[in-house]
Amino acid sequence: MQECIFCGIANKSIASKIVYEDDFSIAFLDRYPRSRGMAIVVPRHHYKDFDENFELSFKVFESAITVAEMLKQALEPKSISISIIESPEVPHFHIRVYPVYEDQIPLVENRPIPTNEMDLESIAERIRGVKVQIRKTEEVKEEPKKEKEEKPRSKEEIYRLKRSMEIG
């Protein structure tokens, strides 16, 4: 059986333009990008669908957010899009991170944009040069919700509400 290409990239037996890695995931530039700097984030462990390993998928999503911020700072796109599209060619869970530019709408249906090894390496160097600190979920503390003080409704307001419900 042939090795999964994303597993080969994750264990570095297949060369790629890696832009980010941690203990759980690795991100690399797509060789056939739909926009300049398009990256793919994959878990180091092979599985096909995100719901096969929620805990690891969550960590891969966190990595994708980090990569999105790196792309944003390094390449200054108009915006960043993230997608999960199952690929029959590579049945390994992955998240695609697309920089969006004025002249490039990165749709799956679009043809890949022209690129070469020098361009990819130059883009990868710019992205790797960005250092971001994304707060992990456990570090984010939710503000306590303030209960909204409701003032009592007038008899006229109650009448109008009841009437509108009867009519509707």
N, C-alpha and C. Protein backbone atom coordinates (compact mmCIF):
# COMPACT_ATOMS: atom_id res chain seq x y z
N MET A 1 0.83 -1.18 0.00
CA MET A 1 0.00 0.00 0.00
C MET A 1 0.89 1.25 0.00
N GLN A 2 0.54 2.23 -0.82
CA GLN A 2 1.31 3.46 -0.94
C GLN A 2 1.07 4.36 0.28
N GLU A 3 2.16 5.00 0.74
CA GLU A 3 2.07 5.89 1.89
C GLU A 3 1.22 7.12 1.54
N CYS A 4 0.42 7.58 2.50
CA CYS A 4 -0.36 8.80 2.36
C CYS A 4 0.62 9.97 2.20
N ILE A 5 0.41 10.83 1.21
CA ILE A 5 1.32 11.93 0.96
C ILE A 5 1.41 12.89 2.15
N PHE A 6 0.27 13.14 2.83
CA PHE A 6 0.30 14.04 3.98
C PHE A 6 1.04 13.41 5.16
N CYS A 7 0.95 12.08 5.31
CA CYS A 7 1.75 11.40 6.34
C CYS A 7 3.24 11.53 6.02
N GLY A 8 3.57 11.40 4.73
CA GLY A 8 4.96 11.55 4.30
C GLY A 8 5.49 12.95 4.58
N ILE A 9 4.65 13.95 4.36
CA ILE A 9 5.06 15.33 4.66
C ILE A 9 5.21 15.50 6.17
N ALA A 10 4.24 14.94 6.94
CA ALA A 10 4.26 15.08 8.40
C ALA A 10 5.50 14.43 9.01
N ASN A 11 5.92 13.28 8.47
CA ASN A 11 7.12 12.63 9.04
C ASN A 11 8.39 13.02 8.27
N LYS A 12 8.23 13.97 7.34
CA LYS A 12 9.34 14.60 6.59
C LYS A 12 10.09 13.64 5.67
N SER A 13 9.40 12.57 5.24
CA SER A 13 10.00 11.71 4.22
C SER A 13 9.69 12.23 2.82
N ILE A 14 8.75 13.18 2.73
CA ILE A 14 8.44 13.87 1.48
C ILE A 14 8.73 15.35 1.70
N ALA A 15 9.52 15.92 0.81
CA ALA A 15 9.91 17.33 0.93
C ALA A 15 8.71 18.24 0.72
N SER A 16 8.66 19.32 1.50
CA SER A 16 7.60 20.31 1.35
C SER A 16 8.09 21.64 1.92
N LYS A 17 7.32 22.67 1.69
CA LYS A 17 7.65 24.01 2.20
C LYS A 17 6.88 24.20 3.51
N ILE A 18 7.45 23.71 4.60
CA ILE A 18 6.81 23.78 5.91
C ILE A 18 6.87 25.21 6.43
N VAL A 19 5.72 25.70 6.90
CA VAL A 19 5.66 27.06 7.43
C VAL A 19 5.38 27.09 8.93
N TYR A 20 4.89 25.97 9.47
CA TYR A 20 4.57 25.90 10.90
C TYR A 20 4.51 24.44 11.30
N GLU A 21 4.95 24.15 12.53
CA GLU A 21 4.75 22.81 13.07
C GLU A 21 4.77 22.86 14.58
N ASP A 22 4.04 21.92 15.17
CA ASP A 22 4.05 21.74 16.62
C ASP A 22 3.97 20.24 16.87
N ASP A 23 3.71 19.84 18.09
CA ASP A 23 3.69 18.41 18.42
C ASP A 23 2.56 17.64 17.75
N PHE A 24 1.50 18.35 17.36
CA PHE A 24 0.29 17.68 16.88
C PHE A 24 0.03 17.86 15.39
N SER A 25 0.59 18.92 14.80
CA SER A 25 0.26 19.23 13.42
C SER A 25 1.45 19.85 12.68
N ILE A 26 1.27 19.92 11.38
CA ILE A 26 2.28 20.53 10.52
C ILE A 26 1.54 21.29 9.42
N ALA A 27 2.07 22.46 9.04
CA ALA A 27 1.46 23.27 7.98
C ALA A 27 2.50 23.50 6.90
N PHE A 28 2.07 23.39 5.67
CA PHE A 28 2.97 23.54 4.53
C PHE A 28 2.25 24.23 3.39
N LEU A 29 3.02 24.82 2.49
CA LEU A 29 2.43 25.48 1.33
C LEU A 29 1.94 24.45 0.33
N ASP A 30 0.78 24.73 -0.24
CA ASP A 30 0.22 23.88 -1.29
C ASP A 30 1.04 24.09 -2.56
N ARG A 31 1.43 23.01 -3.22
CA ARG A 31 2.20 23.12 -4.46
C ARG A 31 1.31 23.54 -5.64
N TYR A 32 0.01 23.41 -5.49
CA TYR A 32 -0.95 23.81 -6.52
C TYR A 32 -1.96 24.77 -5.88
N PRO A 33 -1.49 25.94 -5.46
CA PRO A 33 -2.35 26.83 -4.67
C PRO A 33 -3.45 27.50 -5.50
N ARG A 34 -4.55 27.82 -4.82
CA ARG A 34 -5.63 28.60 -5.43
C ARG A 34 -5.43 30.09 -5.19
N SER A 35 -4.49 30.42 -4.28
CA SER A 35 -4.08 31.80 -4.04
C SER A 35 -2.65 31.77 -3.52
N ARG A 36 -1.94 32.88 -3.68
CA ARG A 36 -0.53 32.96 -3.27
C ARG A 36 -0.42 32.77 -1.76
N GLY A 37 0.33 31.75 -1.35
CA GLY A 37 0.54 31.48 0.07
C GLY A 37 -0.45 30.50 0.67
N MET A 38 -1.28 29.86 -0.15
CA MET A 38 -2.24 28.89 0.38
C MET A 38 -1.50 27.79 1.14
N ALA A 39 -1.96 27.52 2.36
CA ALA A 39 -1.31 26.51 3.20
C ALA A 39 -2.28 25.39 3.55
N ILE A 40 -1.73 24.25 3.85
CA ILE A 40 -2.51 23.10 4.29
C ILE A 40 -2.00 22.71 5.68
N VAL A 41 -2.93 22.52 6.60
CA VAL A 41 -2.58 22.14 7.97
C VAL A 41 -3.11 20.73 8.19
N VAL A 42 -2.22 19.82 8.59
CA VAL A 42 -2.61 18.42 8.78
C VAL A 42 -2.17 17.93 10.16
N PRO A 43 -2.92 16.98 10.72
CA PRO A 43 -2.44 16.35 11.95
C PRO A 43 -1.28 15.41 11.62
N ARG A 44 -0.39 15.23 12.56
CA ARG A 44 0.73 14.31 12.34
C ARG A 44 0.24 12.86 12.34
N HIS A 45 -0.86 12.62 13.00
CA HIS A 45 -1.47 11.28 13.07
C HIS A 45 -2.50 11.15 11.94
N HIS A 46 -2.49 10.03 11.23
CA HIS A 46 -3.40 9.82 10.10
C HIS A 46 -4.82 9.47 10.55
N TYR A 47 -5.78 10.21 10.06
CA TYR A 47 -7.19 9.84 10.13
C TYR A 47 -7.90 10.63 9.05
N LYS A 48 -9.07 10.19 8.65
CA LYS A 48 -9.73 10.75 7.47
C LYS A 48 -10.65 11.93 7.80
N ASP A 49 -11.51 11.80 8.78
CA ASP A 49 -12.52 12.81 9.08
C ASP A 49 -12.29 13.41 10.46
N PHE A 50 -12.59 14.72 10.58
CA PHE A 50 -12.32 15.42 11.85
C PHE A 50 -13.01 14.77 13.03
N ASP A 51 -14.17 14.16 12.81
CA ASP A 51 -14.91 13.57 13.94
C ASP A 51 -14.37 12.21 14.38
N GLU A 52 -13.33 11.72 13.74
CA GLU A 52 -12.69 10.49 14.18
C GLU A 52 -11.79 10.74 15.39
N ASN A 53 -11.37 11.99 15.57
CA ASN A 53 -10.49 12.34 16.68
C ASN A 53 -10.71 13.81 17.04
N PHE A 54 -11.79 14.07 17.78
CA PHE A 54 -12.15 15.46 18.10
C PHE A 54 -11.04 16.21 18.82
N GLU A 55 -10.39 15.56 19.76
CA GLU A 55 -9.36 16.24 20.54
C GLU A 55 -8.21 16.70 19.65
N LEU A 56 -7.73 15.83 18.79
CA LEU A 56 -6.64 16.19 17.90
C LEU A 56 -7.12 17.21 16.85
N SER A 57 -8.33 17.03 16.33
CA SER A 57 -8.87 17.98 15.35
C SER A 57 -8.94 19.38 15.94
N PHE A 58 -9.31 19.47 17.20
CA PHE A 58 -9.36 20.77 17.88
C PHE A 58 -7.98 21.43 17.87
N LYS A 59 -6.95 20.65 18.15
CA LYS A 59 -5.58 21.18 18.16
C LYS A 59 -5.14 21.59 16.75
N VAL A 60 -5.58 20.85 15.74
CA VAL A 60 -5.26 21.20 14.36
C VAL A 60 -5.97 22.51 13.98
N PHE A 61 -7.20 22.70 14.45
CA PHE A 61 -7.90 23.97 14.22
C PHE A 61 -7.14 25.12 14.87
N GLU A 62 -6.64 24.92 16.07
CA GLU A 62 -5.84 25.97 16.72
C GLU A 62 -4.60 26.29 15.89
N SER A 63 -3.97 25.26 15.35
CA SER A 63 -2.80 25.48 14.49
C SER A 63 -3.19 26.25 13.23
N ALA A 64 -4.34 25.93 12.66
CA ALA A 64 -4.81 26.62 11.45
C ALA A 64 -5.03 28.11 11.74
N ILE A 65 -5.52 28.43 12.93
CA ILE A 65 -5.71 29.83 13.31
C ILE A 65 -4.36 30.52 13.42
N THR A 66 -3.38 29.85 13.98
CA THR A 66 -2.03 30.41 14.06
C THR A 66 -1.47 30.65 12.67
N VAL A 67 -1.62 29.67 11.79
CA VAL A 67 -1.12 29.80 10.41
C VAL A 67 -1.85 30.94 9.70
N ALA A 68 -3.14 31.07 9.92
CA ALA A 68 -3.90 32.16 9.30
C ALA A 68 -3.33 33.52 9.73
N GLU A 69 -3.01 33.66 11.00
CA GLU A 69 -2.43 34.91 11.49
C GLU A 69 -1.05 35.13 10.90
N MET A 70 -0.27 34.08 10.75
CA MET A 70 1.06 34.20 10.14
C MET A 70 0.94 34.67 8.68
N LEU A 71 0.00 34.06 7.94
CA LEU A 71 -0.22 34.45 6.55
C LEU A 71 -0.67 35.91 6.47
N LYS A 72 -1.55 36.28 7.38
CA LYS A 72 -2.07 37.65 7.39
C LYS A 72 -0.94 38.65 7.59
N GLN A 73 -0.06 38.38 8.54
CA GLN A 73 1.04 39.31 8.82
C GLN A 73 2.11 39.28 7.73
N ALA A 74 2.41 38.12 7.20
CA ALA A 74 3.50 37.99 6.23
C ALA A 74 3.12 38.46 4.83
N LEU A 75 1.88 38.18 4.41
CA LEU A 75 1.50 38.42 3.02
C LEU A 75 0.50 39.56 2.84
N GLU A 76 -0.07 40.04 3.93
CA GLU A 76 -1.03 41.14 3.92
C GLU A 76 -2.17 40.98 2.90
N PRO A 77 -2.87 39.85 2.94
CA PRO A 77 -4.02 39.67 2.04
C PRO A 77 -5.21 40.52 2.51
N LYS A 78 -6.21 40.60 1.67
CA LYS A 78 -7.45 41.31 2.01
C LYS A 78 -8.15 40.60 3.17
N SER A 79 -8.15 39.27 3.14
CA SER A 79 -8.73 38.46 4.22
C SER A 79 -8.15 37.05 4.14
N ILE A 80 -8.57 36.22 5.10
CA ILE A 80 -8.14 34.82 5.14
C ILE A 80 -9.39 33.95 5.19
N SER A 81 -9.39 32.87 4.42
CA SER A 81 -10.49 31.90 4.47
C SER A 81 -9.92 30.56 4.89
N ILE A 82 -10.74 29.81 5.60
CA ILE A 82 -10.35 28.47 6.05
C ILE A 82 -11.43 27.51 5.59
N SER A 83 -11.02 26.34 5.07
CA SER A 83 -12.02 25.36 4.65
C SER A 83 -11.56 23.95 4.98
N ILE A 84 -12.55 23.11 5.12
CA ILE A 84 -12.32 21.68 5.26
C ILE A 84 -13.09 21.02 4.13
N ILE A 85 -12.37 20.49 3.18
CA ILE A 85 -13.00 19.84 2.04
C ILE A 85 -12.37 18.46 1.93
N GLU A 86 -13.18 17.45 2.04
CA GLU A 86 -12.67 16.08 1.95
C GLU A 86 -12.07 15.86 0.57
N SER A 87 -10.92 15.23 0.54
CA SER A 87 -10.23 14.99 -0.72
C SER A 87 -10.14 13.50 -0.99
N PRO A 88 -10.74 13.02 -2.08
CA PRO A 88 -10.63 11.60 -2.40
C PRO A 88 -9.20 11.20 -2.77
N GLU A 89 -8.41 12.18 -3.26
CA GLU A 89 -7.02 11.88 -3.64
C GLU A 89 -6.13 11.66 -2.41
N VAL A 90 -6.43 12.41 -1.34
CA VAL A 90 -5.63 12.31 -0.12
C VAL A 90 -6.60 12.18 1.06
N PRO A 91 -6.93 10.95 1.45
CA PRO A 91 -7.89 10.75 2.54
C PRO A 91 -7.25 10.93 3.93
N HIS A 92 -6.78 12.14 4.19
CA HIS A 92 -6.13 12.49 5.46
C HIS A 92 -6.74 13.82 5.86
N PHE A 93 -7.28 13.91 7.07
CA PHE A 93 -7.91 15.15 7.52
C PHE A 93 -6.95 16.31 7.33
N HIS A 94 -7.46 17.41 6.79
CA HIS A 94 -6.64 18.60 6.61
C HIS A 94 -7.51 19.85 6.55
N ILE A 95 -6.89 20.97 6.86
CA ILE A 95 -7.56 22.27 6.81
C ILE A 95 -6.78 23.12 5.82
N ARG A 96 -7.51 23.72 4.91
CA ARG A 96 -6.89 24.61 3.92
C ARG A 96 -7.02 26.05 4.40
N VAL A 97 -5.94 26.79 4.34
CA VAL A 97 -5.93 28.19 4.77
C VAL A 97 -5.56 29.02 3.54
N TYR A 98 -6.54 29.83 3.10
CA TYR A 98 -6.39 30.60 1.86
C TYR A 98 -6.25 32.09 2.15
N PRO A 99 -5.15 32.71 1.74
CA PRO A 99 -5.13 34.17 1.73
C PRO A 99 -6.02 34.63 0.56
N VAL A 100 -6.80 35.65 0.77
CA VAL A 100 -7.68 36.17 -0.29
C VAL A 100 -7.16 37.55 -0.69
N TYR A 101 -6.91 37.71 -1.98
CA TYR A 101 -6.42 38.98 -2.52
C TYR A 101 -7.48 39.54 -3.46
N GLU A 102 -7.36 40.81 -3.78
CA GLU A 102 -8.31 41.47 -4.69
C GLU A 102 -8.45 40.69 -6.00
N ASP A 103 -7.34 40.23 -6.55
CA ASP A 103 -7.35 39.60 -7.87
C ASP A 103 -7.39 38.07 -7.83
N GLN A 104 -7.49 37.47 -6.65
CA GLN A 104 -7.51 36.01 -6.55
C GLN A 104 -8.62 35.57 -5.60
N ILE A 105 -9.64 34.96 -6.15
CA ILE A 105 -10.70 34.38 -5.33
C ILE A 105 -10.42 32.88 -5.26
N PRO A 106 -9.96 32.38 -4.11
CA PRO A 106 -9.47 31.00 -4.02
C PRO A 106 -10.58 29.95 -3.89
N LEU A 107 -11.23 29.65 -4.99
CA LEU A 107 -12.27 28.63 -4.98
C LEU A 107 -11.67 27.30 -5.44
N VAL A 108 -12.20 26.22 -4.90
CA VAL A 108 -11.72 24.89 -5.26
C VAL A 108 -11.88 24.67 -6.76
N GLU A 109 -12.93 25.24 -7.34
CA GLU A 109 -13.21 25.05 -8.76
C GLU A 109 -12.18 25.76 -9.64
N ASN A 110 -11.51 26.78 -9.10
CA ASN A 110 -10.51 27.52 -9.88
C ASN A 110 -9.31 26.64 -10.19
N ARG A 111 -8.66 26.99 -11.27
CA ARG A 111 -7.40 26.31 -11.59
C ARG A 111 -6.33 26.82 -10.64
N PRO A 112 -5.36 25.98 -10.32
CA PRO A 112 -4.25 26.46 -9.49
C PRO A 112 -3.54 27.63 -10.18
N ILE A 113 -3.02 28.53 -9.35
CA ILE A 113 -2.27 29.65 -9.92
C ILE A 113 -0.85 29.18 -10.22
N PRO A 114 -0.20 29.77 -11.22
CA PRO A 114 1.16 29.36 -11.54
C PRO A 114 2.13 29.69 -10.40
N THR A 115 3.02 28.78 -10.11
CA THR A 115 4.04 28.99 -9.10
C THR A 115 5.25 28.12 -9.43
N ASN A 116 6.33 28.34 -8.74
CA ASN A 116 7.51 27.51 -8.93
C ASN A 116 8.23 27.38 -7.59
N GLU A 117 9.26 26.57 -7.55
CA GLU A 117 9.98 26.31 -6.30
C GLU A 117 10.54 27.57 -5.66
N MET A 118 11.09 28.47 -6.49
CA MET A 118 11.66 29.70 -5.95
C MET A 118 10.58 30.57 -5.30
N ASP A 119 9.43 30.70 -5.97
CA ASP A 119 8.32 31.48 -5.41
C ASP A 119 7.85 30.86 -4.09
N LEU A 120 7.66 29.55 -4.10
CA LEU A 120 7.19 28.87 -2.88
C LEU A 120 8.17 29.05 -1.73
N GLU A 121 9.47 28.92 -2.01
CA GLU A 121 10.47 29.07 -0.95
C GLU A 121 10.49 30.50 -0.43
N SER A 122 10.37 31.46 -1.31
CA SER A 122 10.35 32.87 -0.91
C SER A 122 9.15 33.16 0.00
N ILE A 123 7.99 32.67 -0.39
CA ILE A 123 6.77 32.86 0.41
C ILE A 123 6.91 32.14 1.75
N ALA A 124 7.42 30.91 1.72
CA ALA A 124 7.59 30.14 2.97
C ALA A 124 8.53 30.87 3.93
N GLU A 125 9.61 31.44 3.42
CA GLU A 125 10.55 32.19 4.27
C GLU A 125 9.87 33.38 4.93
N ARG A 126 9.06 34.10 4.17
CA ARG A 126 8.34 35.25 4.74
C ARG A 126 7.40 34.81 5.85
N ILE A 127 6.68 33.72 5.62
CA ILE A 127 5.72 33.23 6.62
C ILE A 127 6.45 32.72 7.86
N ARG A 128 7.51 31.93 7.66
CA ARG A 128 8.27 31.41 8.80
C ARG A 128 8.89 32.52 9.63
N GLY A 129 9.14 33.66 9.02
CA GLY A 129 9.73 34.79 9.72
C GLY A 129 8.77 35.50 10.67
N VAL A 130 7.50 35.17 10.59
CA VAL A 130 6.49 35.80 11.45
C VAL A 130 6.35 34.99 12.73
N LYS A 131 6.41 35.66 13.83
CA LYS A 131 6.20 35.00 15.13
C LYS A 131 4.90 35.53 15.72
N VAL A 132 3.98 34.62 15.94
CA VAL A 132 2.69 35.01 16.53
C VAL A 132 2.47 34.25 17.82
N GLN A 133 1.73 34.86 18.69
CA GLN A 133 1.37 34.21 19.96
C GLN A 133 -0.15 34.20 20.02
N ILE A 134 -0.74 33.06 19.74
CA ILE A 134 -2.18 32.91 19.81
C ILE A 134 -2.52 32.30 21.16
N ARG A 135 -3.45 32.92 21.85
CA ARG A 135 -3.88 32.37 23.14
C ARG A 135 -4.69 31.11 22.91
N LYS A 136 -4.28 30.04 23.57
CA LYS A 136 -5.00 28.79 23.47
C LYS A 136 -6.32 28.89 24.23
N THR A 137 -7.25 28.05 23.89
CA THR A 137 -8.60 28.12 24.43
C THR A 137 -8.64 28.10 25.95
N GLU A 138 -7.83 27.24 26.57
CA GLU A 138 -7.87 27.16 28.03
C GLU A 138 -7.40 28.44 28.69
N GLU A 139 -6.66 29.28 27.92
CA GLU A 139 -6.19 30.55 28.46
C GLU A 139 -7.23 31.66 28.34
N VAL A 140 -8.21 31.47 27.48
CA VAL A 140 -9.22 32.50 27.25
C VAL A 140 -10.29 32.35 28.33
N LYS A 141 -10.46 33.39 29.10
CA LYS A 141 -11.47 33.36 30.15
C LYS A 141 -12.68 34.14 29.67
N GLU A 142 -13.82 33.52 29.83
CA GLU A 142 -15.05 34.16 29.40
C GLU A 142 -15.50 35.17 30.44
N GLU A 143 -15.91 36.32 29.96
CA GLU A 143 -16.43 37.35 30.85
C GLU A 143 -17.77 36.89 31.40
N PRO A 144 -18.03 37.13 32.68
CA PRO A 144 -19.34 36.76 33.20
C PRO A 144 -20.42 37.58 32.51
N LYS A 145 -21.50 36.91 32.18
CA LYS A 145 -22.59 37.60 31.49
C LYS A 145 -23.35 38.47 32.47
N LYS A 146 -23.58 39.69 32.03
CA LYS A 146 -24.36 40.61 32.85
C LYS A 146 -25.81 40.43 32.48
N GLU A 147 -26.60 40.22 33.48
CA GLU A 147 -28.02 40.06 33.22
C GLU A 147 -28.61 41.40 32.84
N LYS A 148 -29.35 41.37 31.78
CA LYS A 148 -29.97 42.59 31.29
C LYS A 148 -31.17 42.92 32.17
N GLU A 149 -31.16 44.11 32.65
CA GLU A 149 -32.28 44.53 33.49
C GLU A 149 -33.43 44.94 32.59
N GLU A 150 -34.54 44.25 32.76
CA GLU A 150 -35.70 44.58 31.97
C GLU A 150 -36.65 45.42 32.82
N LYS A 151 -37.11 46.49 32.21
CA LYS A 151 -38.09 47.29 32.93
C LYS A 151 -39.46 46.68 32.66
N PRO A 152 -40.35 46.81 33.60
CA PRO A 152 -41.69 46.22 33.43
C PRO A 152 -42.41 46.86 32.23
N ARG A 153 -43.18 46.04 31.54
CA ARG A 153 -43.93 46.53 30.38
C ARG A 153 -45.21 47.21 30.85
N SER A 154 -45.59 48.21 30.11
CA SER A 154 -46.84 48.91 30.44
C SER A 154 -48.01 48.07 29.97
N LYS A 155 -49.20 48.36 30.48
CA LYS A 155 -50.41 47.64 30.08
C LYS A 155 -50.66 47.83 28.59
N GLU A 156 -50.39 49.03 28.10
CA GLU A 156 -50.59 49.30 26.68
C GLU A 156 -49.64 48.46 25.83
N GLU A 157 -48.37 48.33 26.24
CA GLU A 157 -47.39 47.54 25.51
C GLU A 157 -47.77 46.06 25.51
N ILE A 158 -48.26 45.57 26.65
CA ILE A 158 -48.69 44.17 26.75
C ILE A 158 -49.87 43.95 25.81
N TYR A 159 -50.80 44.89 25.78
CA TYR A 159 -51.97 44.77 24.90
C TYR A 159 -51.52 44.69 23.44
N ARG A 160 -50.59 45.59 23.02
CA ARG A 160 -50.11 45.59 21.63
C ARG A 160 -49.41 44.28 21.28
N LEU A 161 -48.61 43.74 22.21
CA LEU A 161 -47.92 42.47 21.96
C LEU A 161 -48.92 41.33 21.77
N LYS A 162 -49.90 41.25 22.67
CA LYS A 162 -50.93 40.21 22.57
C LYS A 162 -51.69 40.35 21.25
N ARG A 163 -52.04 41.56 20.93
CA ARG A 163 -52.80 41.84 19.70
C ARG A 163 -52.01 41.43 18.47
N SER A 164 -50.71 41.75 18.44
CA SER A 164 -49.90 41.38 17.28
C SER A 164 -49.76 39.87 17.14
N MET A 165 -49.75 39.16 18.28
CA MET A 165 -49.68 37.69 18.21
C MET A 165 -50.98 37.11 17.68
N GLU A 166 -52.09 37.71 18.04
CA GLU A 166 -53.39 37.23 17.55
C GLU A 166 -53.52 37.46 16.07
N ILE A 167 -53.00 38.58 15.59
CA ILE A 167 -53.11 38.91 14.17
C ILE A 167 -52.17 38.04 13.35
N GLY A 168 -50.94 37.82 13.88
CA GLY A 168 -49.92 37.05 13.18
C GLY A 168 -50.29 35.63 13.12
